[in-house]
Structure formats: structure tokens, C-alpha cells
Amino acid sequence: MDKLANEASKEQLIADFKVVMADAEALLKATANQGGEKLAEVRAKAEESLLVAKARIADAQEALMVRTREAAKATDVYVHEHPWNAVGVAAALGLFIGFLVGRR
């Protein structure tokens, strides 16, 4: 269960980072016509950092997708090998959730 939470937090981190990168790109485009050698230097450095960050995020996202596919495949194999165990776990989880919802 902790592994699932970790995967979800990685997905959220990737999504948040993509939003930050989009905002940074918009800021760079908005300041593109501003003058000054120092500003141009900072803009070039920021663009380079964004390109590196995008590449790292793409790699992390691909690794996350690979692990997700592997987990889904392992779950599928387990359910096919132990169908009654899977049914029992699903029923118990459903009863537990029903109990929690019924208390409200």
C-alpha cells in the first residue's frame, strides 16, 4: 500500500512540475522582448535548465509507466492464478468501505 502511495505522489510531483515548467516557459516568452544583456543571459540559462528538467521528467515518467505496467501485469497474473483469493479480498474491501460509508 505504501508503494501505491509513493507511485501516486510521484505522479502528482510530475504533474506539478509540468505546471511549473509551463509557467516558466510562459514567463520566458513574456519577457522575450525585454532588453538588457543580463536579462538575456538569465533567460538563456533558464531555457537551458527547463530543457534539462523536461528531459529528466520525461525519463521519470517513462520509468513510472514501465513500473505501472509491470504492476498491472503482475496483478493480472496473480488474479488468474488465485481467483478466489482475489474475490475474497475484493468482497472484504467492499464490506469495509460499505461499513465506513454506512456509519456516516
C-alpha atoms as a PDB file:
ATOM      1  CA  MET A   1       0.000   0.000   0.000  1.00  0.00           C
ATOM      2  CA  ASP A   2       2.908   2.309   0.770  1.00  0.00           C
ATOM      3  CA  LYS A   3       4.262   1.598  -2.704  1.00  0.00           C
ATOM      4  CA  LEU A   4       0.952   2.734  -4.247  1.00  0.00           C
ATOM      5  CA  ALA A   5       1.052   5.967  -2.245  1.00  0.00           C
ATOM      6  CA  ASN A   6       4.629   6.518  -3.379  1.00  0.00           C
ATOM      7  CA  GLU A   7       3.634   5.983  -7.021  1.00  0.00           C
ATOM      8  CA  ALA A   8       0.708   8.388  -6.644  1.00  0.00           C
ATOM      9  CA  SER A   9       2.950  11.021  -5.085  1.00  0.00           C
ATOM     10  CA  LYS A  10       5.426  10.614  -7.966  1.00  0.00           C
ATOM     11  CA  GLU A  11       2.608  11.102 -10.464  1.00  0.00           C
ATOM     12  CA  GLN A  12       1.455  14.211  -8.588  1.00  0.00           C
ATOM     13  CA  LEU A  13       5.029  15.517  -8.479  1.00  0.00           C
ATOM     14  CA  ILE A  14       5.373  15.029 -12.229  1.00  0.00           C
ATOM     15  CA  ALA A  15       2.076  16.821 -12.852  1.00  0.00           C
ATOM     16  CA  ASP A  16       3.034  19.703 -10.545  1.00  0.00           C
ATOM     17  CA  PHE A  17       6.448  20.011 -12.147  1.00  0.00           C
ATOM     18  CA  LYS A  18       4.897  20.151 -15.595  1.00  0.00           C
ATOM     19  CA  VAL A  19       2.708  23.052 -14.448  1.00  0.00           C
ATOM     20  CA  VAL A  20       5.757  24.866 -13.076  1.00  0.00           C
ATOM     21  CA  MET A  21       7.630  24.316 -16.341  1.00  0.00           C
ATOM     22  CA  ALA A  22       4.698  25.628 -18.367  1.00  0.00           C
ATOM     23  CA  ASP A  23       4.532  28.727 -16.174  1.00  0.00           C
ATOM     24  CA  ALA A  24       8.290  29.266 -16.509  1.00  0.00           C
ATOM     25  CA  GLU A  25       8.049  28.928 -20.289  1.00  0.00           C
ATOM     26  CA  ALA A  26       5.214  31.469 -20.337  1.00  0.00           C
ATOM     27  CA  LEU A  27       7.312  33.852 -18.235  1.00  0.00           C
ATOM     28  CA  LEU A  28      10.262  33.439 -20.608  1.00  0.00           C
ATOM     29  CA  LYS A  29       8.061  34.153 -23.616  1.00  0.00           C
ATOM     30  CA  ALA A  30       6.527  37.186 -21.905  1.00  0.00           C
ATOM     31  CA  THR A  31       9.955  38.678 -21.224  1.00  0.00           C
ATOM     32  CA  ALA A  32      11.372  37.800 -24.640  1.00  0.00           C
ATOM     33  CA  ASN A  33      11.077  41.356 -25.954  1.00  0.00           C
ATOM     34  CA  GLN A  34      12.579  42.929 -22.824  1.00  0.00           C
ATOM     35  CA  GLY A  35      16.024  44.429 -23.324  1.00  0.00           C
ATOM     36  CA  GLY A  36      19.210  44.070 -21.399  1.00  0.00           C
ATOM     37  CA  GLU A  37      22.186  41.816 -21.687  1.00  0.00           C
ATOM     38  CA  LYS A  38      21.801  40.486 -18.142  1.00  0.00           C
ATOM     39  CA  LEU A  39      18.145  39.567 -18.746  1.00  0.00           C
ATOM     40  CA  ALA A  40      19.041  37.767 -21.983  1.00  0.00           C
ATOM     41  CA  GLU A  41      21.723  35.831 -20.132  1.00  0.00           C
ATOM     42  CA  VAL A  42      19.327  34.809 -17.366  1.00  0.00           C
ATOM     43  CA  ARG A  43      16.670  33.874 -19.940  1.00  0.00           C
ATOM     44  CA  ALA A  44      19.120  31.642 -21.826  1.00  0.00           C
ATOM     45  CA  LYS A  45      20.171  29.918 -18.607  1.00  0.00           C
ATOM     46  CA  ALA A  46      16.524  29.376 -17.614  1.00  0.00           C
ATOM     47  CA  GLU A  47      15.698  27.924 -21.033  1.00  0.00           C
ATOM     48  CA  GLU A  48      18.608  25.504 -20.748  1.00  0.00           C
ATOM     49  CA  SER A  49      17.519  24.466 -17.255  1.00  0.00           C
ATOM     50  CA  LEU A  50      13.973  23.908 -18.497  1.00  0.00           C
ATOM     51  CA  LEU A  51      15.199  21.671 -21.318  1.00  0.00           C
ATOM     52  CA  VAL A  52      17.223  19.567 -18.872  1.00  0.00           C
ATOM     53  CA  ALA A  53      14.290  19.378 -16.458  1.00  0.00           C
ATOM     54  CA  LYS A  54      11.914  18.334 -19.254  1.00  0.00           C
ATOM     55  CA  ALA A  55      14.259  15.540 -20.272  1.00  0.00           C
ATOM     56  CA  ARG A  56      14.534  14.286 -16.694  1.00  0.00           C
ATOM     57  CA  ILE A  57      10.772  14.432 -16.195  1.00  0.00           C
ATOM     58  CA  ALA A  58      10.216  12.523 -19.435  1.00  0.00           C
ATOM     59  CA  ASP A  59      12.635   9.830 -18.239  1.00  0.00           C
ATOM     60  CA  ALA A  60      10.978   9.647 -14.821  1.00  0.00           C
ATOM     61  CA  GLN A  61       7.533   9.481 -16.384  1.00  0.00           C
ATOM     62  CA  GLU A  62       8.597   6.662 -18.699  1.00  0.00           C
ATOM     63  CA  ALA A  63      10.104   4.715 -15.788  1.00  0.00           C
ATOM     64  CA  LEU A  64       6.886   5.236 -13.817  1.00  0.00           C
ATOM     65  CA  MET A  65       4.813   3.961 -16.737  1.00  0.00           C
ATOM     66  CA  VAL A  66       7.024   0.879 -17.077  1.00  0.00           C
ATOM     67  CA  ARG A  67       6.651   0.061 -13.371  1.00  0.00           C
ATOM     68  CA  THR A  68       2.901   0.662 -13.558  1.00  0.00           C
ATOM     69  CA  ARG A  69       2.581  -1.733 -16.486  1.00  0.00           C
ATOM     70  CA  GLU A  70       4.665  -4.336 -14.634  1.00  0.00           C
ATOM     71  CA  ALA A  71       2.472  -3.995 -11.529  1.00  0.00           C
ATOM     72  CA  ALA A  72      -0.693  -4.323 -13.620  1.00  0.00           C
ATOM     73  CA  LYS A  73       0.687  -7.408 -15.342  1.00  0.00           C
ATOM     74  CA  ALA A  74       1.711  -8.969 -12.004  1.00  0.00           C
ATOM     75  CA  THR A  75      -1.759  -8.260 -10.602  1.00  0.00           C
ATOM     76  CA  ASP A  76      -3.380  -9.828 -13.647  1.00  0.00           C
ATOM     77  CA  VAL A  77      -1.229 -12.953 -13.326  1.00  0.00           C
ATOM     78  CA  TYR A  78      -1.989 -13.217  -9.589  1.00  0.00           C
ATOM     79  CA  VAL A  79      -5.742 -12.851 -10.126  1.00  0.00           C
ATOM     80  CA  HIS A  80      -5.676 -15.527 -12.831  1.00  0.00           C
ATOM     81  CA  GLU A  81      -3.667 -17.884 -10.616  1.00  0.00           C
ATOM     82  CA  HIS A  82      -5.695 -17.203  -7.431  1.00  0.00           C
ATOM     83  CA  PRO A  83      -9.169 -16.065  -8.491  1.00  0.00           C
ATOM     84  CA  TRP A  84     -10.936 -16.918  -5.230  1.00  0.00           C
ATOM     85  CA  ASN A  85      -8.380 -15.069  -3.146  1.00  0.00           C
ATOM     86  CA  ALA A  86      -8.922 -12.002  -5.310  1.00  0.00           C
ATOM     87  CA  VAL A  87     -12.705 -12.318  -4.977  1.00  0.00           C
ATOM     88  CA  GLY A  88     -12.374 -12.660  -1.200  1.00  0.00           C
ATOM     89  CA  VAL A  89     -10.152  -9.612  -0.896  1.00  0.00           C
ATOM     90  CA  ALA A  90     -12.480  -7.560  -3.109  1.00  0.00           C
ATOM     91  CA  ALA A  91     -15.520  -8.651  -1.073  1.00  0.00           C
ATOM     92  CA  ALA A  92     -13.807  -7.834   2.226  1.00  0.00           C
ATOM     93  CA  LEU A  93     -12.736  -4.447   0.920  1.00  0.00           C
ATOM     94  CA  GLY A  94     -16.272  -3.765  -0.303  1.00  0.00           C
ATOM     95  CA  LEU A  95     -17.737  -4.696   3.090  1.00  0.00           C
ATOM     96  CA  PHE A  96     -15.219  -2.486   4.863  1.00  0.00           C
ATOM     97  CA  ILE A  97     -15.960   0.508   2.634  1.00  0.00           C
ATOM     98  CA  GLY A  98     -19.700  -0.131   2.989  1.00  0.00           C
ATOM     99  CA  PHE A  99     -19.314  -0.219   6.753  1.00  0.00           C
ATOM    100  CA  LEU A 100     -17.446   3.104   6.750  1.00  0.00           C
ATOM    101  CA  VAL A 101     -19.975   4.762   4.461  1.00  0.00           C
ATOM    102  CA  GLY A 102     -22.882   3.363   6.487  1.00  0.00           C
ATOM    103  CA  ARG A 103     -21.585   4.921   9.715  1.00  0.00           C
ATOM    104  CA  ARG A 104     -21.990   8.418   8.373  1.00  0.00           C
END
